[in-house]
Amino acid sequence: MTAIDDGMFWEYADPFLAAGAERSTMMGNICLRLNGAFFASLDHRTGDLIVKLPATRVTDLVNGGDAASFAPNGRVFKEWASISPRREDDWAGLMEEALAFASSS
């Protein structure tokens, strides 16, 4: 298994960390959380960005081909979307959406 370079994730995470988000781990993955709420993570197996969004937004992203369902061990997490590194241009905006969603919960 090849180790995933987490540098790209931390580059996108820097503004969130500067604004008060914290580094953490979730299911063995590095992640960001704010006030205890997880909102973004990096899948250590694939290098995909994992973001927590409203279930309807996740469904729209998956149906539009912009994300995959996050389904570790085959169980789909309906409020989490997996975004490929090939869609890096979308990462910052989706992390902002995820932070807003986590802050509103």
C-alpha atoms as a PDB file:
ATOM      1  CA  MET A   1       0.000   0.000   0.000  1.00  0.00           C
ATOM      2  CA  THR A   2       1.377   3.412  -0.976  1.00  0.00           C
ATOM      3  CA  ALA A   3       1.433   6.118   1.674  1.00  0.00           C
ATOM      4  CA  ILE A   4      -0.827   9.062   0.862  1.00  0.00           C
ATOM      5  CA  ASP A   5       0.799  12.503   0.889  1.00  0.00           C
ATOM      6  CA  ASP A   6      -1.343  14.622   3.199  1.00  0.00           C
ATOM      7  CA  GLY A   7       0.383  17.890   2.239  1.00  0.00           C
ATOM      8  CA  MET A   8      -2.385  19.033  -0.107  1.00  0.00           C
ATOM      9  CA  PHE A   9      -4.995  18.518   2.608  1.00  0.00           C
ATOM     10  CA  TRP A  10      -3.029  20.593   5.128  1.00  0.00           C
ATOM     11  CA  GLU A  11      -2.531  23.373   2.563  1.00  0.00           C
ATOM     12  CA  TYR A  12      -6.308  23.657   2.244  1.00  0.00           C
ATOM     13  CA  ALA A  13      -6.709  23.233   6.007  1.00  0.00           C
ATOM     14  CA  ASP A  14      -4.399  26.132   6.936  1.00  0.00           C
ATOM     15  CA  PRO A  15      -7.035  28.907   6.704  1.00  0.00           C
ATOM     16  CA  PHE A  16      -9.458  26.833   8.785  1.00  0.00           C
ATOM     17  CA  LEU A  17      -6.792  26.149  11.398  1.00  0.00           C
ATOM     18  CA  ALA A  18      -5.977  29.858  11.526  1.00  0.00           C
ATOM     19  CA  ALA A  19      -9.679  30.566  12.118  1.00  0.00           C
ATOM     20  CA  GLY A  20      -9.914  28.187  15.080  1.00  0.00           C
ATOM     21  CA  ALA A  21     -10.423  24.696  13.640  1.00  0.00           C
ATOM     22  CA  GLU A  22      -8.437  21.908  15.274  1.00  0.00           C
ATOM     23  CA  ARG A  23      -6.422  18.987  13.932  1.00  0.00           C
ATOM     24  CA  SER A  24      -7.816  15.638  14.970  1.00  0.00           C
ATOM     25  CA  THR A  25      -8.356  12.078  13.764  1.00  0.00           C
ATOM     26  CA  MET A  26     -11.511  10.260  12.747  1.00  0.00           C
ATOM     27  CA  MET A  27     -11.624   6.537  11.918  1.00  0.00           C
ATOM     28  CA  GLY A  28      -7.844   6.553  11.512  1.00  0.00           C
ATOM     29  CA  ASN A  29      -7.892   9.528   9.140  1.00  0.00           C
ATOM     30  CA  ILE A  30      -6.525  13.001   9.782  1.00  0.00           C
ATOM     31  CA  CYS A  31      -9.316  15.533  10.030  1.00  0.00           C
ATOM     32  CA  LEU A  32     -10.500  18.977  11.009  1.00  0.00           C
ATOM     33  CA  ARG A  33     -13.095  19.794  13.604  1.00  0.00           C
ATOM     34  CA  LEU A  34     -14.534  22.913  15.133  1.00  0.00           C
ATOM     35  CA  ASN A  35     -16.046  22.933  18.609  1.00  0.00           C
ATOM     36  CA  GLY A  36     -15.964  19.139  18.567  1.00  0.00           C
ATOM     37  CA  ALA A  37     -17.769  18.823  15.212  1.00  0.00           C
ATOM     38  CA  PHE A  38     -15.867  16.997  12.458  1.00  0.00           C
ATOM     39  CA  PHE A  39     -16.229  18.636   9.052  1.00  0.00           C
ATOM     40  CA  ALA A  40     -13.359  17.553   6.777  1.00  0.00           C
ATOM     41  CA  SER A  41     -11.006  14.607   6.601  1.00  0.00           C
ATOM     42  CA  LEU A  42      -8.507  12.940   4.300  1.00  0.00           C
ATOM     43  CA  ASP A  43      -9.039   9.288   3.411  1.00  0.00           C
ATOM     44  CA  HIS A  44      -5.649   7.737   4.163  1.00  0.00           C
ATOM     45  CA  ARG A  45      -6.308   4.938   1.656  1.00  0.00           C
ATOM     46  CA  THR A  46      -7.236   7.021  -1.401  1.00  0.00           C
ATOM     47  CA  GLY A  47      -6.165  10.624  -0.765  1.00  0.00           C
ATOM     48  CA  ASP A  48      -9.777  11.742  -1.203  1.00  0.00           C
ATOM     49  CA  LEU A  49     -11.136  14.709   0.703  1.00  0.00           C
ATOM     50  CA  ILE A  50     -14.042  13.653   2.896  1.00  0.00           C
ATOM     51  CA  VAL A  51     -16.519  16.407   3.820  1.00  0.00           C
ATOM     52  CA  LYS A  52     -19.656  16.462   5.956  1.00  0.00           C
ATOM     53  CA  LEU A  53     -22.569  18.135   4.177  1.00  0.00           C
ATOM     54  CA  PRO A  54     -26.355  17.934   4.255  1.00  0.00           C
ATOM     55  CA  ALA A  55     -27.520  14.580   2.871  1.00  0.00           C
ATOM     56  CA  THR A  56     -29.325  16.272  -0.031  1.00  0.00           C
ATOM     57  CA  ARG A  57     -26.115  18.095  -1.027  1.00  0.00           C
ATOM     58  CA  VAL A  58     -24.149  14.839  -0.876  1.00  0.00           C
ATOM     59  CA  THR A  59     -26.767  13.146  -3.078  1.00  0.00           C
ATOM     60  CA  ASP A  60     -26.555  16.006  -5.605  1.00  0.00           C
ATOM     61  CA  LEU A  61     -22.742  15.819  -5.715  1.00  0.00           C
ATOM     62  CA  VAL A  62     -22.772  12.039  -6.140  1.00  0.00           C
ATOM     63  CA  ASN A  63     -25.519  12.105  -8.792  1.00  0.00           C
ATOM     64  CA  GLY A  64     -23.667  14.864 -10.649  1.00  0.00           C
ATOM     65  CA  GLY A  65     -20.446  12.836 -10.733  1.00  0.00           C
ATOM     66  CA  ASP A  66     -18.609  15.366  -8.559  1.00  0.00           C
ATOM     67  CA  ALA A  67     -18.224  13.056  -5.553  1.00  0.00           C
ATOM     68  CA  ALA A  68     -18.560   9.485  -4.425  1.00  0.00           C
ATOM     69  CA  SER A  69     -20.431   8.215  -1.418  1.00  0.00           C
ATOM     70  CA  PHE A  70     -18.222   7.782   1.622  1.00  0.00           C
ATOM     71  CA  ALA A  71     -18.710   4.156   2.535  1.00  0.00           C
ATOM     72  CA  PRO A  72     -15.949   2.747   4.704  1.00  0.00           C
ATOM     73  CA  ASN A  73     -16.409  -0.975   5.152  1.00  0.00           C
ATOM     74  CA  GLY A  74     -19.431  -0.843   2.831  1.00  0.00           C
ATOM     75  CA  ARG A  75     -21.628   1.298   5.097  1.00  0.00           C
ATOM     76  CA  VAL A  76     -22.692   4.545   3.396  1.00  0.00           C
ATOM     77  CA  PHE A  77     -22.502   7.681   5.533  1.00  0.00           C
ATOM     78  CA  LYS A  78     -25.276   9.778   3.979  1.00  0.00           C
ATOM     79  CA  GLU A  79     -23.893  13.126   5.195  1.00  0.00           C
ATOM     80  CA  TRP A  80     -20.323  12.504   4.029  1.00  0.00           C
ATOM     81  CA  ALA A  81     -18.981  12.867   0.478  1.00  0.00           C
ATOM     82  CA  SER A  82     -15.671  11.656  -0.920  1.00  0.00           C
ATOM     83  CA  ILE A  83     -13.961  14.091  -3.312  1.00  0.00           C
ATOM     84  CA  SER A  84     -11.105  12.867  -5.496  1.00  0.00           C
ATOM     85  CA  PRO A  85      -7.785  14.754  -5.567  1.00  0.00           C
ATOM     86  CA  ARG A  86      -8.488  15.149  -9.294  1.00  0.00           C
ATOM     87  CA  ARG A  87     -11.227  17.607  -8.220  1.00  0.00           C
ATOM     88  CA  GLU A  88      -8.795  19.650  -6.131  1.00  0.00           C
ATOM     89  CA  ASP A  89     -10.295  22.884  -7.491  1.00  0.00           C
ATOM     90  CA  ASP A  90     -13.466  22.055  -5.543  1.00  0.00           C
ATOM     91  CA  TRP A  91     -11.779  21.286  -2.228  1.00  0.00           C
ATOM     92  CA  ALA A  92     -11.660  24.776  -0.674  1.00  0.00           C
ATOM     93  CA  GLY A  93     -15.301  25.553  -1.453  1.00  0.00           C
ATOM     94  CA  LEU A  94     -16.510  22.187  -0.206  1.00  0.00           C
ATOM     95  CA  MET A  95     -14.494  22.529   2.995  1.00  0.00           C
ATOM     96  CA  GLU A  96     -16.134  25.931   3.549  1.00  0.00           C
ATOM     97  CA  GLU A  97     -19.572  24.383   2.985  1.00  0.00           C
ATOM     98  CA  ALA A  98     -18.706  21.587   5.402  1.00  0.00           C
ATOM     99  CA  LEU A  99     -17.575  24.037   8.067  1.00  0.00           C
ATOM    100  CA  ALA A 100     -20.800  26.045   7.681  1.00  0.00           C
ATOM    101  CA  PHE A 101     -22.844  22.843   7.973  1.00  0.00           C
ATOM    102  CA  ALA A 102     -20.933  21.653  11.045  1.00  0.00           C
ATOM    103  CA  SER A 103     -21.301  25.082  12.649  1.00  0.00           C
ATOM    104  CA  SER A 104     -25.058  25.077  12.108  1.00  0.00           C
ATOM    105  CA  SER A 105     -25.628  21.647  13.651  1.00  0.00           C
END
